[in-house]
Amino acid sequence: MPVPDELRPALRAELDALVRGERPGLMTWVATYGTSGARLVPQPEDVWTHPDSEVRVRPDGSAWGVVPLWTEQEAPSDLSAEFEVDEEGRAVIRDVRVL
């Protein structure tokens, strides 16, 4: 399921913070990805509708999902970001992992 429009701004802010290195606790897999680690790039608009993007909206309006991540070397890579959005529309990336 594509990422719903109403979730995108909050998730975009979190993805951009991840790319800027503002979520260092989530960078373990990024640092060890491939032969010498990876460098994330800003995620394109395609991330919202990519076939590997998955979102489940709960009855209370909160959501859980996973989106692929783009790197300098791959578009997209095998890295993904797992996220949650609460009922108020606040997003948080819970984990970054290899698909």
PDB file of N, CA and C in Angstrom:
ATOM      1  N   MET A   1       0.846  -1.179   0.000  1.00  0.00           N
ATOM      2  CA  MET A   1       0.000   0.000   0.000  1.00  0.00           C
ATOM      3  C   MET A   1       0.889   1.239   0.000  1.00  0.00           C
ATOM      4  N   PRO A   2       0.650   2.195  -0.876  1.00  0.00           N
ATOM      5  CA  PRO A   2       1.433   3.437  -0.879  1.00  0.00           C
ATOM      6  C   PRO A   2       1.277   4.190   0.446  1.00  0.00           C
ATOM      7  N   VAL A   3       2.272   5.007   0.752  1.00  0.00           N
ATOM      8  CA  VAL A   3       2.197   5.824   1.962  1.00  0.00           C
ATOM      9  C   VAL A   3       1.123   6.888   1.732  1.00  0.00           C
ATOM     10  N   PRO A   4       0.092   6.944   2.593  1.00  0.00           N
ATOM     11  CA  PRO A   4      -0.966   7.930   2.419  1.00  0.00           C
ATOM     12  C   PRO A   4      -0.425   9.363   2.468  1.00  0.00           C
ATOM     13  N   ASP A   5      -1.037  10.225   1.687  1.00  0.00           N
ATOM     14  CA  ASP A   5      -0.594  11.625   1.598  1.00  0.00           C
ATOM     15  C   ASP A   5      -0.471  12.293   2.954  1.00  0.00           C
ATOM     16  N   GLU A   6      -1.400  12.031   3.857  1.00  0.00           N
ATOM     17  CA  GLU A   6      -1.402  12.721   5.148  1.00  0.00           C
ATOM     18  C   GLU A   6      -0.241  12.304   6.048  1.00  0.00           C
ATOM     19  N   LEU A   7       0.387  11.166   5.770  1.00  0.00           N
ATOM     20  CA  LEU A   7       1.530  10.714   6.576  1.00  0.00           C
ATOM     21  C   LEU A   7       2.865  11.214   6.037  1.00  0.00           C
ATOM     22  N   ARG A   8       2.875  11.633   4.803  1.00  0.00           N
ATOM     23  CA  ARG A   8       4.132  11.949   4.124  1.00  0.00           C
ATOM     24  C   ARG A   8       4.925  13.109   4.722  1.00  0.00           C
ATOM     25  N   PRO A   9       4.318  14.247   5.096  1.00  0.00           N
ATOM     26  CA  PRO A   9       5.143  15.344   5.634  1.00  0.00           C
ATOM     27  C   PRO A   9       5.920  14.964   6.898  1.00  0.00           C
ATOM     28  N   ALA A  10       5.267  14.304   7.837  1.00  0.00           N
ATOM     29  CA  ALA A  10       5.952  13.923   9.078  1.00  0.00           C
ATOM     30  C   ALA A  10       7.022  12.876   8.805  1.00  0.00           C
ATOM     31  N   LEU A  11       6.718  11.941   7.931  1.00  0.00           N
ATOM     32  CA  LEU A  11       7.713  10.919   7.597  1.00  0.00           C
ATOM     33  C   LEU A  11       8.865  11.513   6.809  1.00  0.00           C
ATOM     34  N   ARG A  12       8.584  12.449   5.916  1.00  0.00           N
ATOM     35  CA  ARG A  12       9.642  13.143   5.163  1.00  0.00           C
ATOM     36  C   ARG A  12      10.614  13.813   6.130  1.00  0.00           C
ATOM     37  N   ALA A  13      10.091  14.472   7.156  1.00  0.00           N
ATOM     38  CA  ALA A  13      10.955  15.146   8.136  1.00  0.00           C
ATOM     39  C   ALA A  13      11.874  14.138   8.823  1.00  0.00           C
ATOM     40  N   GLU A  14      11.355  12.979   9.179  1.00  0.00           N
ATOM     41  CA  GLU A  14      12.172  11.958   9.823  1.00  0.00           C
ATOM     42  C   GLU A  14      13.207  11.369   8.867  1.00  0.00           C
ATOM     43  N   LEU A  15      12.813  11.103   7.637  1.00  0.00           N
ATOM     44  CA  LEU A  15      13.766  10.577   6.657  1.00  0.00           C
ATOM     45  C   LEU A  15      14.878  11.582   6.377  1.00  0.00           C
ATOM     46  N   ASP A  16      14.523  12.855   6.262  1.00  0.00           N
ATOM     47  CA  ASP A  16      15.543  13.880   6.030  1.00  0.00           C
ATOM     48  C   ASP A  16      16.494  13.988   7.217  1.00  0.00           C
ATOM     49  N   ALA A  17      15.962  13.877   8.441  1.00  0.00           N
ATOM     50  CA  ALA A  17      16.821  13.906   9.633  1.00  0.00           C
ATOM     51  C   ALA A  17      17.766  12.707   9.633  1.00  0.00           C
ATOM     52  N   LEU A  18      17.281  11.559   9.199  1.00  0.00           N
ATOM     53  CA  LEU A  18      18.122  10.370   9.104  1.00  0.00           C
ATOM     54  C   LEU A  18      19.261  10.599   8.123  1.00  0.00           C
ATOM     55  N   VAL A  19      18.956  11.150   6.963  1.00  0.00           N
ATOM     56  CA  VAL A  19      19.968  11.425   5.935  1.00  0.00           C
ATOM     57  C   VAL A  19      21.008  12.418   6.454  1.00  0.00           C
ATOM     58  N   ARG A  20      20.568  13.412   7.224  1.00  0.00           N
ATOM     59  CA  ARG A  20      21.501  14.420   7.770  1.00  0.00           C
ATOM     60  C   ARG A  20      22.340  13.877   8.927  1.00  0.00           C
ATOM     61  N   GLY A  21      22.080  12.652   9.338  1.00  0.00           N
ATOM     62  CA  GLY A  21      22.859  12.059  10.424  1.00  0.00           C
ATOM     63  C   GLY A  21      22.351  12.409  11.803  1.00  0.00           C
ATOM     64  N   GLU A  22      21.125  12.888  11.890  1.00  0.00           N
ATOM     65  CA  GLU A  22      20.556  13.304  13.170  1.00  0.00           C
ATOM     66  C   GLU A  22      19.933  12.152  13.952  1.00  0.00           C
ATOM     67  N   ARG A  23      20.027  10.956  13.438  1.00  0.00           N
ATOM     68  CA  ARG A  23      19.524   9.762  14.130  1.00  0.00           C
ATOM     69  C   ARG A  23      20.658   8.728  14.203  1.00  0.00           C
ATOM     70  N   PRO A  24      21.760   9.088  14.902  1.00  0.00           N
ATOM     71  CA  PRO A  24      22.938   8.209  14.893  1.00  0.00           C
ATOM     72  C   PRO A  24      22.672   6.808  15.419  1.00  0.00           C
ATOM     73  N   GLY A  25      21.739   6.642  16.327  1.00  0.00           N
ATOM     74  CA  GLY A  25      21.427   5.325  16.860  1.00  0.00           C
ATOM     75  C   GLY A  25      20.826   4.385  15.831  1.00  0.00           C
ATOM     76  N   LEU A  26      20.408   4.917  14.695  1.00  0.00           N
ATOM     77  CA  LEU A  26      19.793   4.102  13.645  1.00  0.00           C
ATOM     78  C   LEU A  26      20.742   3.797  12.492  1.00  0.00           C
ATOM     79  N   MET A  27      21.988   4.200  12.606  1.00  0.00           N
ATOM     80  CA  MET A  27      22.905   4.114  11.469  1.00  0.00           C
ATOM     81  C   MET A  27      23.790   2.867  11.442  1.00  0.00           C
ATOM     82  N   THR A  28      23.602   1.922  12.350  1.00  0.00           N
ATOM     83  CA  THR A  28      24.460   0.738  12.406  1.00  0.00           C
ATOM     84  C   THR A  28      24.481  -0.014  11.083  1.00  0.00           C
ATOM     85  N   TRP A  29      23.312  -0.334  10.537  1.00  0.00           N
ATOM     86  CA  TRP A  29      23.263  -1.085   9.280  1.00  0.00           C
ATOM     87  C   TRP A  29      23.764  -0.262   8.109  1.00  0.00           C
ATOM     88  N   VAL A  30      23.541   1.044   8.148  1.00  0.00           N
ATOM     89  CA  VAL A  30      24.024   1.913   7.069  1.00  0.00           C
ATOM     90  C   VAL A  30      25.547   1.900   7.056  1.00  0.00           C
ATOM     91  N   ALA A  31      26.144   1.994   8.243  1.00  0.00           N
ATOM     92  CA  ALA A  31      27.603   2.043   8.356  1.00  0.00           C
ATOM     93  C   ALA A  31      28.269   0.743   7.929  1.00  0.00           C
ATOM     94  N   THR A  32      27.559  -0.365   8.042  1.00  0.00           N
ATOM     95  CA  THR A  32      28.156  -1.655   7.709  1.00  0.00           C
ATOM     96  C   THR A  32      27.626  -2.236   6.404  1.00  0.00           C
ATOM     97  N   TYR A  33      26.778  -1.510   5.708  1.00  0.00           N
ATOM     98  CA  TYR A  33      26.160  -2.003   4.481  1.00  0.00           C
ATOM     99  C   TYR A  33      27.195  -2.064   3.351  1.00  0.00           C
ATOM    100  N   GLY A  34      27.170  -3.141   2.610  1.00  0.00           N
ATOM    101  CA  GLY A  34      28.107  -3.292   1.497  1.00  0.00           C
ATOM    102  C   GLY A  34      29.514  -3.546   1.998  1.00  0.00           C
ATOM    103  N   THR A  35      30.479  -3.246   1.163  1.00  0.00           N
ATOM    104  CA  THR A  35      31.865  -3.515   1.523  1.00  0.00           C
ATOM    105  C   THR A  35      32.484  -2.408   2.362  1.00  0.00           C
ATOM    106  N   SER A  36      31.968  -1.190   2.238  1.00  0.00           N
ATOM    107  CA  SER A  36      32.566  -0.085   3.010  1.00  0.00           C
ATOM    108  C   SER A  36      31.518   0.852   3.587  1.00  0.00           C
ATOM    109  N   GLY A  37      30.325   0.336   3.838  1.00  0.00           N
ATOM    110  CA  GLY A  37      29.260   1.178   4.368  1.00  0.00           C
ATOM    111  C   GLY A  37      28.559   1.908   3.236  1.00  0.00           C
ATOM    112  N   ALA A  38      27.543   2.657   3.588  1.00  0.00           N
ATOM    113  CA  ALA A  38      26.759   3.390   2.595  1.00  0.00           C
ATOM    114  C   ALA A  38      26.524   4.806   3.079  1.00  0.00           C
ATOM    115  N   ARG A  39      26.192   5.639   2.141  1.00  0.00           N
ATOM    116  CA  ARG A  39      25.813   7.008   2.478  1.00  0.00           C
ATOM    117  C   ARG A  39      24.404   7.230   1.926  1.00  0.00           C
ATOM    118  N   LEU A  40      23.488   7.567   2.835  1.00  0.00           N
ATOM    119  CA  LEU A  40      22.115   7.825   2.425  1.00  0.00           C
ATOM    120  C   LEU A  40      22.023   9.136   1.664  1.00  0.00           C
ATOM    121  N   VAL A  41      21.071   9.203   0.768  1.00  0.00           N
ATOM    122  CA  VAL A  41      20.767  10.428   0.033  1.00  0.00           C
ATOM    123  C   VAL A  41      19.317  10.783   0.313  1.00  0.00           C
ATOM    124  N   PRO A  42      18.910  12.026   0.062  1.00  0.00           N
ATOM    125  CA  PRO A  42      17.496  12.366   0.254  1.00  0.00           C
ATOM    126  C   PRO A  42      16.604  11.418  -0.550  1.00  0.00           C
ATOM    127  N   GLN A  43      15.559  10.984   0.082  1.00  0.00           N
ATOM    128  CA  GLN A  43      14.669  10.022  -0.542  1.00  0.00           C
ATOM    129  C   GLN A  43      13.796  10.716  -1.589  1.00  0.00           C
ATOM    130  N   PRO A  44      13.691  10.135  -2.783  1.00  0.00           N
ATOM    131  CA  PRO A  44      12.883  10.751  -3.838  1.00  0.00           C
ATOM    132  C   PRO A  44      11.384  10.567  -3.561  1.00  0.00           C
ATOM    133  N   GLU A  45      10.581  11.271  -4.302  1.00  0.00           N
ATOM    134  CA  GLU A  45       9.130  11.136  -4.162  1.00  0.00           C
ATOM    135  C   GLU A  45       8.664   9.714  -4.465  1.00  0.00           C
ATOM    136  N   ASP A  46       9.448   8.968  -5.239  1.00  0.00           N
ATOM    137  CA  ASP A  46       9.103   7.579  -5.564  1.00  0.00           C
ATOM    138  C   ASP A  46       8.997   6.694  -4.325  1.00  0.00           C
ATOM    139  N   VAL A  47       9.611   7.107  -3.219  1.00  0.00           N
ATOM    140  CA  VAL A  47       9.599   6.282  -2.017  1.00  0.00           C
ATOM    141  C   VAL A  47       8.169   6.021  -1.546  1.00  0.00           C
ATOM    142  N   TRP A  48       7.273   6.969  -1.749  1.00  0.00           N
ATOM    143  CA  TRP A  48       5.896   6.844  -1.240  1.00  0.00           C
ATOM    144  C   TRP A  48       5.105   5.746  -1.950  1.00  0.00           C
ATOM    145  N   THR A  49       5.438   5.480  -3.203  1.00  0.00           N
ATOM    146  CA  THR A  49       4.672   4.509  -3.986  1.00  0.00           C
ATOM    147  C   THR A  49       5.517   3.326  -4.456  1.00  0.00           C
ATOM    148  N   HIS A  50       6.739   3.233  -3.978  1.00  0.00           N
ATOM    149  CA  HIS A  50       7.633   2.153  -4.390  1.00  0.00           C
ATOM    150  C   HIS A  50       7.012   0.803  -4.006  1.00  0.00           C
ATOM    151  N   PRO A  51       7.199  -0.228  -4.838  1.00  0.00           N
ATOM    152  CA  PRO A  51       6.632  -1.551  -4.528  1.00  0.00           C
ATOM    153  C   PRO A  51       7.093  -2.136  -3.186  1.00  0.00           C
ATOM    154  N   ASP A  52       8.272  -1.728  -2.701  1.00  0.00           N
ATOM    155  CA  ASP A  52       8.754  -2.231  -1.411  1.00  0.00           C
ATOM    156  C   ASP A  52       8.251  -1.416  -0.224  1.00  0.00           C
ATOM    157  N   SER A  53       7.534  -0.331  -0.476  1.00  0.00           N
ATOM    158  CA  SER A  53       6.942   0.450   0.617  1.00  0.00           C
ATOM    159  C   SER A  53       5.684  -0.256   1.085  1.00  0.00           C
ATOM    160  N   GLU A  54       5.550  -0.332   2.381  1.00  0.00           N
ATOM    161  CA  GLU A  54       4.393  -1.007   2.970  1.00  0.00           C
ATOM    162  C   GLU A  54       3.901  -0.188   4.151  1.00  0.00           C
ATOM    163  N   VAL A  55       2.605   0.055   4.206  1.00  0.00           N
ATOM    164  CA  VAL A  55       2.015   0.828   5.297  1.00  0.00           C
ATOM    165  C   VAL A  55       0.726   0.164   5.741  1.00  0.00           C
ATOM    166  N   ARG A  56       0.532   0.129   7.035  1.00  0.00           N
ATOM    167  CA  ARG A  56      -0.716  -0.355   7.624  1.00  0.00           C
ATOM    168  C   ARG A  56      -1.260   0.755   8.513  1.00  0.00           C
ATOM    169  N   VAL A  57      -2.393   1.301   8.122  1.00  0.00           N
ATOM    170  CA  VAL A  57      -3.047   2.333   8.928  1.00  0.00           C
ATOM    171  C   VAL A  57      -4.006   1.624   9.871  1.00  0.00           C
ATOM    172  N   ARG A  58      -3.881   1.971  11.150  1.00  0.00           N
ATOM    173  CA  ARG A  58      -4.716   1.344  12.174  1.00  0.00           C
ATOM    174  C   ARG A  58      -6.037   2.103  12.300  1.00  0.00           C
ATOM    175  N   PRO A  59      -7.042   1.479  12.913  1.00  0.00           N
ATOM    176  CA  PRO A  59      -8.345   2.135  13.058  1.00  0.00           C
ATOM    177  C   PRO A  59      -8.295   3.490  13.778  1.00  0.00           C
ATOM    178  N   ASP A  60      -7.322   3.676  14.674  1.00  0.00           N
ATOM    179  CA  ASP A  60      -7.222   4.950  15.403  1.00  0.00           C
ATOM    180  C   ASP A  60      -6.490   6.035  14.611  1.00  0.00           C
ATOM    181  N   GLY A  61      -6.072   5.725  13.386  1.00  0.00           N
ATOM    182  CA  GLY A  61      -5.376   6.709  12.549  1.00  0.00           C
ATOM    183  C   GLY A  61      -3.871   6.623  12.640  1.00  0.00           C
ATOM    184  N   SER A  62      -3.353   5.873  13.598  1.00  0.00           N
ATOM    185  CA  SER A  62      -1.906   5.680  13.676  1.00  0.00           C
ATOM    186  C   SER A  62      -1.511   4.701  12.567  1.00  0.00           C
ATOM    187  N   ALA A  63      -0.216   4.579  12.331  1.00  0.00           N
ATOM    188  CA  ALA A  63       0.230   3.710  11.245  1.00  0.00           C
ATOM    189  C   ALA A  63       1.601   3.126  11.553  1.00  0.00           C
ATOM    190  N   TRP A  64       1.860   2.005  10.928  1.00  0.00           N
ATOM    191  CA  TRP A  64       3.167   1.356  10.932  1.00  0.00           C
ATOM    192  C   TRP A  64       3.537   1.132   9.484  1.00  0.00           C
ATOM    193  N   GLY A  65       4.839   1.234   9.183  1.00  0.00           N
ATOM    194  CA  GLY A  65       5.247   0.965   7.816  1.00  0.00           C
ATOM    195  C   GLY A  65       6.735   0.794   7.664  1.00  0.00           C
ATOM    196  N   VAL A  66       7.109   0.489   6.436  1.00  0.00           N
ATOM    197  CA  VAL A  66       8.507   0.339   6.070  1.00  0.00           C
ATOM    198  C   VAL A  66       8.677   0.888   4.654  1.00  0.00           C
ATOM    199  N   VAL A  67       9.763   1.617   4.456  1.00  0.00           N
ATOM    200  CA  VAL A  67      10.071   2.173   3.136  1.00  0.00           C
ATOM    201  C   VAL A  67      11.532   1.870   2.812  1.00  0.00           C
ATOM    202  N   PRO A  68      11.838   1.659   1.526  1.00  0.00           N
ATOM    203  CA  PRO A  68      13.228   1.444   1.137  1.00  0.00           C
ATOM    204  C   PRO A  68      14.003   2.757   1.239  1.00  0.00           C
ATOM    205  N   LEU A  69      15.320   2.636   1.356  1.00  0.00           N
ATOM    206  CA  LEU A  69      16.183   3.818   1.432  1.00  0.00           C
ATOM    207  C   LEU A  69      17.119   3.867   0.233  1.00  0.00           C
ATOM    208  N   TRP A  70      17.301   5.065  -0.287  1.00  0.00           N
ATOM    209  CA  TRP A  70      18.222   5.288  -1.399  1.00  0.00           C
ATOM    210  C   TRP A  70      19.585   5.666  -0.830  1.00  0.00           C
ATOM    211  N   THR A  71      20.646   5.198  -1.496  1.00  0.00           N
ATOM    212  CA  THR A  71      22.012   5.549  -1.122  1.00  0.00           C
ATOM    213  C   THR A  71      22.711   6.135  -2.347  1.00  0.00           C
ATOM    214  N   GLU A  72      23.927   6.613  -2.151  1.00  0.00           N
ATOM    215  CA  GLU A  72      24.694   7.125  -3.284  1.00  0.00           C
ATOM    216  C   GLU A  72      24.947   6.031  -4.319  1.00  0.00           C
ATOM    217  N   GLN A  73      25.013   4.789  -3.878  1.00  0.00           N
ATOM    218  CA  GLN A  73      25.343   3.689  -4.769  1.00  0.00           C
ATOM    219  C   GLN A  73      24.118   2.993  -5.372  1.00  0.00           C
ATOM    220  N   GLU A  74      22.986   3.026  -4.675  1.00  0.00           N
ATOM    221  CA  GLU A  74      21.832   2.245  -5.112  1.00  0.00           C
ATOM    222  C   GLU A  74      20.535   3.039  -4.981  1.00  0.00           C
ATOM    223  N   ALA A  75      19.636   2.816  -5.951  1.00  0.00           N
ATOM    224  CA  ALA A  75      18.372   3.542  -5.955  1.00  0.00           C
ATOM    225  C   ALA A  75      17.218   2.612  -6.294  1.00  0.00           C
ATOM    226  N   PRO A  76      16.573   2.025  -5.320  1.00  0.00           N
ATOM    227  CA  PRO A  76      16.868   2.027  -3.891  1.00  0.00           C
ATOM    228  C   PRO A  76      17.861   0.931  -3.526  1.00  0.00           C
ATOM    229  N   SER A  77      18.303   0.992  -2.288  1.00  0.00           N
ATOM    230  CA  SER A  77      19.217  -0.022  -1.768  1.00  0.00           C
ATOM    231  C   SER A  77      18.403  -1.128  -1.097  1.00  0.00           C
ATOM    232  N   ASP A  78      19.090  -2.070  -0.477  1.00  0.00           N
ATOM    233  CA  ASP A  78      18.421  -3.099   0.320  1.00  0.00           C
ATOM    234  C   ASP A  78      18.183  -2.637   1.752  1.00  0.00           C
ATOM    235  N   LEU A  79      18.550  -1.395   2.057  1.00  0.00           N
ATOM    236  CA  LEU A  79      18.273  -0.818   3.366  1.00  0.00           C
ATOM    237  C   LEU A  79      16.825  -0.337   3.405  1.00  0.00           C
ATOM    238  N   SER A  80      16.224  -0.420   4.573  1.00  0.00           N
ATOM    239  CA  SER A  80      14.860   0.067   4.725  1.00  0.00           C
ATOM    240  C   SER A  80      14.698   0.730   6.085  1.00  0.00           C
ATOM    241  N   ALA A  81      13.710   1.600   6.169  1.00  0.00           N
ATOM    242  CA  ALA A  81      13.385   2.286   7.420  1.00  0.00           C
ATOM    243  C   ALA A  81      12.005   1.842   7.877  1.00  0.00           C
ATOM    244  N   GLU A  82      11.936   1.336   9.097  1.00  0.00           N
ATOM    245  CA  GLU A  82      10.659   0.967   9.701  1.00  0.00           C
ATOM    246  C   GLU A  82      10.203   2.152  10.546  1.00  0.00           C
ATOM    247  N   PHE A  83       8.959   2.542  10.390  1.00  0.00           N
ATOM    248  CA  PHE A  83       8.473   3.730  11.083  1.00  0.00           C
ATOM    249  C   PHE A  83       7.095   3.516  11.694  1.00  0.00           C
ATOM    250  N   GLU A  84       6.756   4.422  12.601  1.00  0.00           N
ATOM    251  CA  GLU A  84       5.414   4.504  13.156  1.00  0.00           C
ATOM    252  C   GLU A  84       4.979   5.959  13.127  1.00  0.00           C
ATOM    253  N   VAL A  85       3.694   6.141  12.949  1.00  0.00           N
ATOM    254  CA  VAL A  85       3.082   7.463  13.023  1.00  0.00           C
ATOM    255  C   VAL A  85       1.975   7.351  14.064  1.00  0.00           C
ATOM    256  N   ASP A  86       1.981   8.262  15.052  1.00  0.00           N
ATOM    257  CA  ASP A  86       0.961   8.178  16.094  1.00  0.00           C
ATOM    258  C   ASP A  86      -0.344   8.847  15.652  1.00  0.00           C
ATOM    259  N   GLU A  87      -1.336   8.802  16.517  1.00  0.00           N
ATOM    260  CA  GLU A  87      -2.661   9.344  16.195  1.00  0.00           C
ATOM    261  C   GLU A  87      -2.633  10.841  15.913  1.00  0.00           C
ATOM    262  N   GLU A  88      -1.624  11.526  16.436  1.00  0.00           N
ATOM    263  CA  GLU A  88      -1.481  12.972  16.232  1.00  0.00           C
ATOM    264  C   GLU A  88      -0.718  13.307  14.959  1.00  0.00           C
ATOM    265  N   GLY A  89      -0.240  12.303  14.259  1.00  0.00           N
ATOM    266  CA  GLY A  89       0.488  12.527  13.009  1.00  0.00           C
ATOM    267  C   GLY A  89       1.983  12.693  13.174  1.00  0.00           C
ATOM    268  N   ARG A  90       2.522  12.368  14.362  1.00  0.00           N
ATOM    269  CA  ARG A  90       3.965  12.458  14.600  1.00  0.00           C
ATOM    270  C   ARG A  90       4.626  11.154  14.180  1.00  0.00           C
ATOM    271  N   ALA A  91       5.660  11.262  13.359  1.00  0.00           N
ATOM    272  CA  ALA A  91       6.367  10.088  12.860  1.00  0.00           C
ATOM    273  C   ALA A  91       7.661   9.880  13.619  1.00  0.00           C
ATOM    274  N   VAL A  92       8.059   8.634  13.724  1.00  0.00           N
ATOM    275  CA  VAL A  92       9.355   8.269  14.285  1.00  0.00           C
ATOM    276  C   VAL A  92       9.845   7.026  13.539  1.00  0.00           C
ATOM    277  N   ILE A  93      11.121   7.047  13.179  1.00  0.00           N
ATOM    278  CA  ILE A  93      11.739   5.870  12.573  1.00  0.00           C
ATOM    279  C   ILE A  93      12.194   4.980  13.720  1.00  0.00           C
ATOM    280  N   ARG A  94      11.702   3.757  13.734  1.00  0.00           N
ATOM    281  CA  ARG A  94      12.009   2.817  14.805  1.00  0.00           C
ATOM    282  C   ARG A  94      13.262   1.995  14.539  1.00  0.00           C
ATOM    283  N   ASP A  95      13.532   1.733  13.253  1.00  0.00           N
ATOM    284  CA  ASP A  95      14.669   0.872  12.931  1.00  0.00           C
ATOM    285  C   ASP A  95      15.080   1.085  11.484  1.00  0.00           C
ATOM    286  N   VAL A  96      16.359   0.896  11.239  1.00  0.00           N
ATOM    287  CA  VAL A  96      16.888   0.852   9.865  1.00  0.00           C
ATOM    288  C   VAL A  96      17.562  -0.497   9.760  1.00  0.00           C
ATOM    289  N   ARG A  97      17.211  -1.240   8.714  1.00  0.00           N
ATOM    290  CA  ARG A  97      17.731  -2.589   8.572  1.00  0.00           C
ATOM    291  C   ARG A  97      17.927  -2.929   7.108  1.00  0.00           C
ATOM    292  N   VAL A  98      18.529  -4.057   6.872  1.00  0.00           N
ATOM    293  CA  VAL A  98      18.684  -4.581   5.518  1.00  0.00           C
ATOM    294  C   VAL A  98      17.468  -5.449   5.236  1.00  0.00           C
ATOM    295  N   LEU A  99      16.849  -5.259   4.079  1.00  0.00           N
ATOM    296  CA  LEU A  99      15.656  -6.033   3.705  1.00  0.00           C
ATOM    297  C   LEU A  99      15.932  -7.522   3.705  1.00  0.00           C
TER     298      LEU A  99
END
